[in-house]
Amino acid sequence: MKSFLLNGKRPIVKWGMIPDEIYYEGTVPEGFSLAVTPSEGYVVIDVDRHGDLDGFKAIPEDLRYELINTFNYKTKNNGKHYWFKYTGNKPLGNKTSGLGIDLRVGQKGYVVWYPKRDVRECIADVKDSSKELNKWLEKLFSYV
């Protein structure tokens, strides 16, 4: 995992060059945001609401309990980021689904970090993904 600053939604550094376990320290300057790249094996399900597109409506009912019981937080547009330790065996892509749900996978993408807590304090609250969640993620985001 690593963190760095964004200007808008653009990194101000070449974030792929930042080694793991390097974190932005200090107060985020006004006009900037903090971004976090999940470590290998972690995924972030990014559920959005944009206009008529509501990603929450695309989440199967039987998975909602699992989502609210892992580490998660609200995003600025009334969406949510749900963090999981991915336990499936199919490779997942860092991509969008077209349903208002995006996936960010370890070392290949980043999310804006909205919590006030340090990311290192939150990682213990991230749960393992279930077989049911893995099947759903693999259907939406696997390249296999």
N, C-alpha and C. Protein backbone atom coordinates (compact mmCIF):
# COMPACT_ATOMS: atom_id res chain seq x y z
N MET A 1 0.84 -1.15 0.00
CA MET A 1 0.00 0.00 0.00
C MET A 1 0.90 1.22 0.00
N LYS A 2 0.36 2.31 -0.56
CA LYS A 2 1.08 3.58 -0.57
C LYS A 2 0.07 4.70 -0.73
N SER A 3 0.47 5.91 -0.38
CA SER A 3 -0.43 7.05 -0.55
C SER A 3 0.36 8.22 -1.12
N PHE A 4 -0.37 9.10 -1.79
CA PHE A 4 0.23 10.25 -2.47
C PHE A 4 -0.85 11.28 -2.72
N LEU A 5 -0.44 12.46 -3.13
CA LEU A 5 -1.38 13.55 -3.36
C LEU A 5 -1.93 13.57 -4.77
N LEU A 6 -3.17 14.03 -4.87
CA LEU A 6 -3.83 14.27 -6.14
C LEU A 6 -4.16 15.75 -6.26
N ASN A 7 -4.05 16.26 -7.46
CA ASN A 7 -4.54 17.59 -7.79
C ASN A 7 -5.76 17.36 -8.66
N GLY A 8 -6.95 17.55 -8.12
CA GLY A 8 -8.17 17.08 -8.80
C GLY A 8 -8.19 15.57 -8.66
N LYS A 9 -8.19 14.87 -9.78
CA LYS A 9 -8.09 13.40 -9.73
C LYS A 9 -6.77 12.93 -10.33
N ARG A 10 -5.85 13.86 -10.56
CA ARG A 10 -4.56 13.53 -11.16
C ARG A 10 -3.44 13.49 -10.12
N PRO A 11 -2.67 12.40 -10.13
CA PRO A 11 -1.52 12.33 -9.21
C PRO A 11 -0.51 13.43 -9.52
N ILE A 12 0.12 13.96 -8.48
CA ILE A 12 1.14 14.98 -8.70
C ILE A 12 2.53 14.34 -8.81
N VAL A 13 2.59 13.02 -8.69
CA VAL A 13 3.85 12.27 -8.83
C VAL A 13 3.58 11.05 -9.72
N LYS A 14 4.64 10.43 -10.18
CA LYS A 14 4.49 9.16 -10.91
C LYS A 14 4.30 8.07 -9.86
N TRP A 15 3.04 7.82 -9.51
CA TRP A 15 2.73 6.98 -8.36
C TRP A 15 3.20 5.54 -8.53
N GLY A 16 3.32 5.06 -9.75
CA GLY A 16 3.82 3.70 -9.97
C GLY A 16 5.27 3.54 -9.55
N MET A 17 5.97 4.64 -9.45
CA MET A 17 7.38 4.62 -9.05
C MET A 17 7.57 4.65 -7.53
N ILE A 18 6.50 4.94 -6.80
CA ILE A 18 6.61 5.01 -5.34
C ILE A 18 6.66 3.58 -4.79
N PRO A 19 7.65 3.26 -3.99
CA PRO A 19 7.73 1.91 -3.41
C PRO A 19 6.56 1.66 -2.45
N ASP A 20 6.23 0.39 -2.27
CA ASP A 20 5.23 0.00 -1.28
C ASP A 20 5.62 0.53 0.09
N GLU A 21 4.61 0.77 0.89
CA GLU A 21 4.76 1.19 2.28
C GLU A 21 5.35 2.60 2.42
N ILE A 22 5.23 3.40 1.37
CA ILE A 22 5.60 4.81 1.46
C ILE A 22 4.30 5.60 1.49
N TYR A 23 4.15 6.44 2.48
CA TYR A 23 2.89 7.15 2.71
C TYR A 23 3.12 8.65 2.78
N TYR A 24 2.16 9.38 2.25
CA TYR A 24 2.18 10.83 2.41
C TYR A 24 1.97 11.11 3.89
N GLU A 25 2.78 11.96 4.44
CA GLU A 25 2.69 12.33 5.86
C GLU A 25 2.34 13.80 5.97
N GLY A 26 1.48 14.13 6.89
CA GLY A 26 1.15 15.52 7.12
C GLY A 26 -0.25 15.88 6.68
N THR A 27 -0.55 17.14 6.78
CA THR A 27 -1.85 17.65 6.40
C THR A 27 -1.94 17.77 4.89
N VAL A 28 -3.05 17.33 4.34
CA VAL A 28 -3.26 17.46 2.90
C VAL A 28 -3.55 18.93 2.60
N PRO A 29 -2.77 19.53 1.71
CA PRO A 29 -2.97 20.95 1.41
C PRO A 29 -4.34 21.21 0.78
N GLU A 30 -4.85 22.41 1.01
CA GLU A 30 -6.13 22.80 0.42
C GLU A 30 -6.04 22.70 -1.11
N GLY A 31 -7.09 22.15 -1.71
CA GLY A 31 -7.12 21.99 -3.16
C GLY A 31 -6.57 20.65 -3.63
N PHE A 32 -6.04 19.85 -2.72
CA PHE A 32 -5.49 18.54 -3.04
C PHE A 32 -6.29 17.46 -2.31
N SER A 33 -6.13 16.22 -2.77
CA SER A 33 -6.73 15.06 -2.11
C SER A 33 -5.65 14.03 -1.89
N LEU A 34 -5.94 13.08 -1.01
CA LEU A 34 -5.04 11.97 -0.76
C LEU A 34 -5.53 10.76 -1.53
N ALA A 35 -4.63 10.06 -2.18
CA ALA A 35 -4.96 8.83 -2.89
C ALA A 35 -4.23 7.67 -2.23
N VAL A 36 -4.84 6.49 -2.31
CA VAL A 36 -4.24 5.27 -1.77
C VAL A 36 -4.29 4.19 -2.83
N THR A 37 -3.18 3.50 -2.99
CA THR A 37 -3.10 2.33 -3.86
C THR A 37 -3.14 1.10 -2.97
N PRO A 38 -4.13 0.21 -3.16
CA PRO A 38 -4.17 -0.99 -2.33
C PRO A 38 -2.96 -1.89 -2.59
N SER A 39 -2.57 -2.63 -1.58
CA SER A 39 -1.48 -3.60 -1.74
C SER A 39 -1.93 -4.78 -2.59
N GLU A 40 -0.98 -5.53 -3.07
CA GLU A 40 -1.27 -6.75 -3.83
C GLU A 40 -2.18 -7.64 -3.00
N GLY A 41 -3.22 -8.16 -3.64
CA GLY A 41 -4.17 -9.04 -2.95
C GLY A 41 -5.38 -8.32 -2.40
N TYR A 42 -5.35 -7.00 -2.40
CA TYR A 42 -6.49 -6.22 -1.94
C TYR A 42 -7.24 -5.64 -3.13
N VAL A 43 -8.54 -5.45 -2.96
CA VAL A 43 -9.36 -4.79 -3.98
C VAL A 43 -10.24 -3.75 -3.30
N VAL A 44 -10.60 -2.74 -4.06
CA VAL A 44 -11.54 -1.73 -3.60
C VAL A 44 -12.69 -1.69 -4.60
N ILE A 45 -13.88 -1.97 -4.11
CA ILE A 45 -15.08 -1.87 -4.92
C ILE A 45 -15.59 -0.44 -4.77
N ASP A 46 -15.61 0.28 -5.88
CA ASP A 46 -15.99 1.68 -5.91
C ASP A 46 -17.40 1.79 -6.49
N VAL A 47 -18.36 2.04 -5.63
CA VAL A 47 -19.76 2.13 -6.06
C VAL A 47 -20.12 3.61 -6.18
N ASP A 48 -20.61 3.99 -7.36
CA ASP A 48 -20.89 5.39 -7.66
C ASP A 48 -22.37 5.65 -7.90
N ARG A 49 -22.71 6.90 -7.73
CA ARG A 49 -24.02 7.43 -8.14
C ARG A 49 -23.73 8.65 -9.01
N HIS A 50 -24.04 8.52 -10.30
CA HIS A 50 -23.85 9.63 -11.24
C HIS A 50 -25.12 9.77 -12.06
N GLY A 51 -25.85 10.86 -11.86
CA GLY A 51 -27.09 11.06 -12.61
C GLY A 51 -28.06 9.93 -12.38
N ASP A 52 -28.49 9.29 -13.47
CA ASP A 52 -29.45 8.18 -13.37
C ASP A 52 -28.78 6.86 -13.03
N LEU A 53 -27.45 6.80 -13.08
CA LEU A 53 -26.72 5.57 -12.82
C LEU A 53 -26.45 5.43 -11.32
N ASP A 54 -27.01 4.38 -10.73
CA ASP A 54 -26.85 4.12 -9.30
C ASP A 54 -26.27 2.73 -9.12
N GLY A 55 -24.96 2.66 -8.85
CA GLY A 55 -24.29 1.39 -8.70
C GLY A 55 -24.83 0.53 -7.58
N PHE A 56 -25.43 1.14 -6.57
CA PHE A 56 -25.97 0.37 -5.45
C PHE A 56 -27.10 -0.55 -5.91
N LYS A 57 -27.83 -0.15 -6.94
CA LYS A 57 -28.92 -0.99 -7.47
C LYS A 57 -28.39 -2.24 -8.17
N ALA A 58 -27.13 -2.23 -8.57
CA ALA A 58 -26.53 -3.37 -9.26
C ALA A 58 -25.89 -4.38 -8.31
N ILE A 59 -25.88 -4.09 -7.02
CA ILE A 59 -25.29 -5.00 -6.04
C ILE A 59 -26.33 -6.04 -5.66
N PRO A 60 -26.01 -7.32 -5.82
CA PRO A 60 -26.96 -8.36 -5.42
C PRO A 60 -27.30 -8.26 -3.93
N GLU A 61 -28.56 -8.47 -3.63
CA GLU A 61 -29.06 -8.35 -2.26
C GLU A 61 -28.26 -9.21 -1.28
N ASP A 62 -27.89 -10.43 -1.71
CA ASP A 62 -27.21 -11.35 -0.80
C ASP A 62 -25.76 -10.95 -0.50
N LEU A 63 -25.23 -9.93 -1.18
CA LEU A 63 -23.86 -9.48 -0.93
C LEU A 63 -23.79 -8.20 -0.10
N ARG A 64 -24.92 -7.56 0.10
CA ARG A 64 -24.92 -6.25 0.77
C ARG A 64 -24.43 -6.33 2.21
N TYR A 65 -24.80 -7.37 2.93
CA TYR A 65 -24.35 -7.52 4.31
C TYR A 65 -22.82 -7.62 4.37
N GLU A 66 -22.26 -8.38 3.46
CA GLU A 66 -20.81 -8.53 3.43
C GLU A 66 -20.12 -7.19 3.15
N LEU A 67 -20.70 -6.41 2.26
CA LEU A 67 -20.10 -5.12 1.93
C LEU A 67 -20.10 -4.17 3.13
N ILE A 68 -21.19 -4.12 3.86
CA ILE A 68 -21.24 -3.16 4.97
C ILE A 68 -20.41 -3.61 6.17
N ASN A 69 -19.95 -4.86 6.16
CA ASN A 69 -19.18 -5.38 7.29
C ASN A 69 -17.68 -5.41 7.07
N THR A 70 -17.23 -4.91 5.93
CA THR A 70 -15.80 -4.74 5.73
C THR A 70 -15.50 -3.26 5.89
N PHE A 71 -14.23 -2.90 5.82
CA PHE A 71 -13.88 -1.49 5.90
C PHE A 71 -14.47 -0.76 4.70
N ASN A 72 -15.20 0.32 4.95
CA ASN A 72 -15.80 1.09 3.86
C ASN A 72 -15.96 2.53 4.31
N TYR A 73 -16.13 3.41 3.34
CA TYR A 73 -16.36 4.82 3.64
C TYR A 73 -17.08 5.48 2.48
N LYS A 74 -17.77 6.58 2.80
CA LYS A 74 -18.49 7.35 1.79
C LYS A 74 -17.52 8.14 0.93
N THR A 75 -17.91 8.32 -0.33
CA THR A 75 -17.15 9.17 -1.23
C THR A 75 -17.91 10.50 -1.38
N LYS A 76 -17.32 11.43 -2.06
CA LYS A 76 -17.91 12.78 -2.09
C LYS A 76 -19.23 12.86 -2.84
N ASN A 77 -19.50 11.94 -3.75
CA ASN A 77 -20.74 11.98 -4.54
C ASN A 77 -21.76 10.95 -4.06
N ASN A 78 -21.76 10.66 -2.76
CA ASN A 78 -22.73 9.72 -2.18
C ASN A 78 -22.50 8.28 -2.60
N GLY A 79 -21.29 7.97 -3.01
CA GLY A 79 -20.92 6.59 -3.31
C GLY A 79 -20.24 5.97 -2.10
N LYS A 80 -19.61 4.83 -2.33
CA LYS A 80 -18.87 4.16 -1.25
C LYS A 80 -17.67 3.42 -1.84
N HIS A 81 -16.64 3.29 -1.02
CA HIS A 81 -15.49 2.43 -1.31
C HIS A 81 -15.52 1.29 -0.30
N TYR A 82 -15.55 0.05 -0.80
CA TYR A 82 -15.55 -1.15 0.03
C TYR A 82 -14.22 -1.88 -0.20
N TRP A 83 -13.46 -2.07 0.86
CA TRP A 83 -12.14 -2.71 0.78
C TRP A 83 -12.25 -4.18 1.17
N PHE A 84 -11.58 -5.04 0.37
CA PHE A 84 -11.53 -6.48 0.65
C PHE A 84 -10.15 -7.04 0.38
N LYS A 85 -9.82 -8.08 1.11
CA LYS A 85 -8.68 -8.94 0.79
C LYS A 85 -9.27 -9.99 -0.14
N TYR A 86 -8.89 -9.97 -1.40
CA TYR A 86 -9.47 -10.86 -2.41
C TYR A 86 -8.95 -12.27 -2.22
N THR A 87 -9.86 -13.24 -2.05
CA THR A 87 -9.48 -14.63 -1.82
C THR A 87 -9.77 -15.52 -3.01
N GLY A 88 -10.23 -14.94 -4.12
CA GLY A 88 -10.51 -15.73 -5.32
C GLY A 88 -9.23 -16.13 -6.03
N ASN A 89 -9.40 -16.90 -7.11
CA ASN A 89 -8.22 -17.37 -7.83
C ASN A 89 -8.15 -16.88 -9.27
N LYS A 90 -9.14 -16.12 -9.72
CA LYS A 90 -9.08 -15.56 -11.08
C LYS A 90 -8.49 -14.15 -11.01
N PRO A 91 -7.65 -13.80 -11.98
CA PRO A 91 -7.10 -12.44 -11.97
C PRO A 91 -8.20 -11.41 -12.25
N LEU A 92 -8.20 -10.36 -11.48
CA LEU A 92 -9.18 -9.29 -11.65
C LEU A 92 -8.51 -8.07 -12.28
N GLY A 93 -9.27 -7.36 -13.08
CA GLY A 93 -8.74 -6.17 -13.72
C GLY A 93 -9.16 -4.90 -13.01
N ASN A 94 -8.35 -3.92 -13.15
CA ASN A 94 -8.61 -2.58 -12.64
C ASN A 94 -9.48 -1.90 -13.69
N LYS A 95 -10.82 -2.02 -13.54
CA LYS A 95 -11.68 -1.54 -14.61
C LYS A 95 -13.08 -1.17 -14.12
N THR A 96 -13.86 -0.64 -15.04
CA THR A 96 -15.24 -0.26 -14.76
C THR A 96 -16.17 -1.34 -15.29
N SER A 97 -17.38 -1.37 -14.73
CA SER A 97 -18.36 -2.38 -15.14
C SER A 97 -19.44 -1.82 -16.05
N GLY A 98 -19.58 -0.50 -16.08
CA GLY A 98 -20.69 0.10 -16.80
C GLY A 98 -21.98 0.13 -15.98
N LEU A 99 -21.91 -0.38 -14.75
CA LEU A 99 -23.07 -0.45 -13.86
C LEU A 99 -23.00 0.56 -12.72
N GLY A 100 -22.00 1.44 -12.77
CA GLY A 100 -21.79 2.35 -11.64
C GLY A 100 -20.92 1.73 -10.58
N ILE A 101 -20.22 0.65 -10.94
CA ILE A 101 -19.32 -0.05 -10.02
C ILE A 101 -17.98 -0.22 -10.72
N ASP A 102 -16.93 0.26 -10.07
CA ASP A 102 -15.57 0.11 -10.59
C ASP A 102 -14.78 -0.74 -9.61
N LEU A 103 -13.68 -1.29 -10.08
CA LEU A 103 -12.80 -2.06 -9.21
C LEU A 103 -11.40 -1.53 -9.33
N ARG A 104 -10.76 -1.37 -8.20
CA ARG A 104 -9.35 -1.01 -8.14
C ARG A 104 -8.63 -2.15 -7.44
N VAL A 105 -7.64 -2.69 -8.14
CA VAL A 105 -6.93 -3.86 -7.62
C VAL A 105 -5.52 -3.48 -7.20
N GLY A 106 -4.96 -4.29 -6.31
CA GLY A 106 -3.65 -4.04 -5.75
C GLY A 106 -2.60 -3.69 -6.78
N GLN A 107 -1.92 -2.59 -6.54
CA GLN A 107 -0.79 -2.09 -7.31
C GLN A 107 -1.14 -1.61 -8.73
N LYS A 108 -2.42 -1.67 -9.11
CA LYS A 108 -2.78 -1.27 -10.48
C LYS A 108 -3.71 -0.07 -10.53
N GLY A 109 -4.18 0.38 -9.41
CA GLY A 109 -5.09 1.52 -9.39
C GLY A 109 -5.08 2.18 -8.04
N TYR A 110 -5.76 3.30 -7.97
CA TYR A 110 -5.83 4.02 -6.70
C TYR A 110 -7.24 4.57 -6.50
N VAL A 111 -7.54 4.90 -5.27
CA VAL A 111 -8.80 5.54 -4.92
C VAL A 111 -8.50 6.78 -4.10
N VAL A 112 -9.43 7.73 -4.14
CA VAL A 112 -9.32 8.89 -3.27
C VAL A 112 -9.64 8.41 -1.85
N TRP A 113 -8.82 8.85 -0.91
CA TRP A 113 -8.96 8.44 0.48
C TRP A 113 -9.71 9.54 1.23
N TYR A 114 -10.94 9.26 1.66
CA TYR A 114 -11.76 10.25 2.34
C TYR A 114 -11.72 10.19 3.87
N PRO A 115 -11.43 9.02 4.48
CA PRO A 115 -11.43 8.99 5.95
C PRO A 115 -10.37 9.92 6.55
N LYS A 116 -10.61 10.32 7.77
CA LYS A 116 -9.64 11.14 8.50
C LYS A 116 -8.54 10.27 9.11
N ARG A 117 -8.84 8.98 9.34
CA ARG A 117 -7.86 8.06 9.92
C ARG A 117 -6.78 7.72 8.90
N ASP A 118 -5.62 7.39 9.40
CA ASP A 118 -4.50 6.94 8.56
C ASP A 118 -4.84 5.57 7.98
N VAL A 119 -4.54 5.35 6.72
CA VAL A 119 -4.85 4.08 6.07
C VAL A 119 -4.23 2.90 6.80
N ARG A 120 -3.08 3.08 7.40
CA ARG A 120 -2.40 2.00 8.10
C ARG A 120 -3.19 1.55 9.33
N GLU A 121 -3.99 2.44 9.89
CA GLU A 121 -4.82 2.09 11.04
C GLU A 121 -6.08 1.33 10.62
N CYS A 122 -6.47 1.44 9.37
CA CYS A 122 -7.74 0.88 8.89
C CYS A 122 -7.61 -0.51 8.30
N ILE A 123 -6.43 -0.90 7.90
CA ILE A 123 -6.26 -2.14 7.15
C ILE A 123 -6.70 -3.37 7.95
N ALA A 124 -6.62 -3.31 9.26
CA ALA A 124 -7.07 -4.44 10.09
C ALA A 124 -8.58 -4.65 10.00
N ASP A 125 -9.32 -3.63 9.56
CA ASP A 125 -10.77 -3.73 9.44
C ASP A 125 -11.22 -4.29 8.09
N VAL A 126 -10.27 -4.57 7.20
CA VAL A 126 -10.59 -5.11 5.88
C VAL A 126 -10.81 -6.62 6.01
N LYS A 127 -11.94 -7.09 5.50
CA LYS A 127 -12.32 -8.51 5.60
C LYS A 127 -11.91 -9.27 4.34
N ASP A 128 -11.80 -10.59 4.48
CA ASP A 128 -11.60 -11.47 3.33
C ASP A 128 -12.89 -11.54 2.52
N SER A 129 -12.75 -11.64 1.21
CA SER A 129 -13.94 -11.79 0.35
C SER A 129 -14.45 -13.23 0.43
N SER A 130 -15.76 -13.37 0.37
CA SER A 130 -16.39 -14.71 0.40
C SER A 130 -16.39 -15.32 -0.99
N LYS A 131 -16.71 -16.61 -1.07
CA LYS A 131 -16.83 -17.27 -2.37
C LYS A 131 -17.89 -16.60 -3.23
N GLU A 132 -19.00 -16.19 -2.61
CA GLU A 132 -20.08 -15.55 -3.35
C GLU A 132 -19.64 -14.20 -3.90
N LEU A 133 -18.94 -13.42 -3.08
CA LEU A 133 -18.44 -12.14 -3.56
C LEU A 133 -17.41 -12.34 -4.66
N ASN A 134 -16.53 -13.33 -4.49
CA ASN A 134 -15.53 -13.61 -5.52
C ASN A 134 -16.19 -13.92 -6.86
N LYS A 135 -17.23 -14.74 -6.85
CA LYS A 135 -17.93 -15.09 -8.10
C LYS A 135 -18.48 -13.84 -8.78
N TRP A 136 -19.09 -12.96 -7.99
CA TRP A 136 -19.66 -11.74 -8.54
C TRP A 136 -18.56 -10.84 -9.11
N LEU A 137 -17.48 -10.65 -8.34
CA LEU A 137 -16.36 -9.83 -8.82
C LEU A 137 -15.74 -10.41 -10.08
N GLU A 138 -15.57 -11.72 -10.11
CA GLU A 138 -14.97 -12.38 -11.27
C GLU A 138 -15.85 -12.24 -12.50
N LYS A 139 -17.16 -12.30 -12.31
CA LYS A 139 -18.09 -12.14 -13.43
C LYS A 139 -17.96 -10.72 -14.02
N LEU A 140 -17.82 -9.73 -13.15
CA LEU A 140 -17.74 -8.35 -13.62
C LEU A 140 -16.37 -7.91 -14.06
N PHE A 141 -15.31 -8.40 -13.40
CA PHE A 141 -14.01 -7.79 -13.57
C PHE A 141 -12.86 -8.71 -13.97
N SER A 142 -13.14 -10.00 -14.19
CA SER A 142 -12.05 -10.92 -14.54
C SER A 142 -11.80 -10.88 -16.04
N TYR A 143 -10.55 -11.07 -16.40
CA TYR A 143 -10.17 -11.15 -17.81
C TYR A 143 -10.21 -12.58 -18.33
N VAL A 144 -10.44 -13.53 -17.43
CA VAL A 144 -10.42 -14.95 -17.81
C VAL A 144 -11.81 -15.40 -18.19
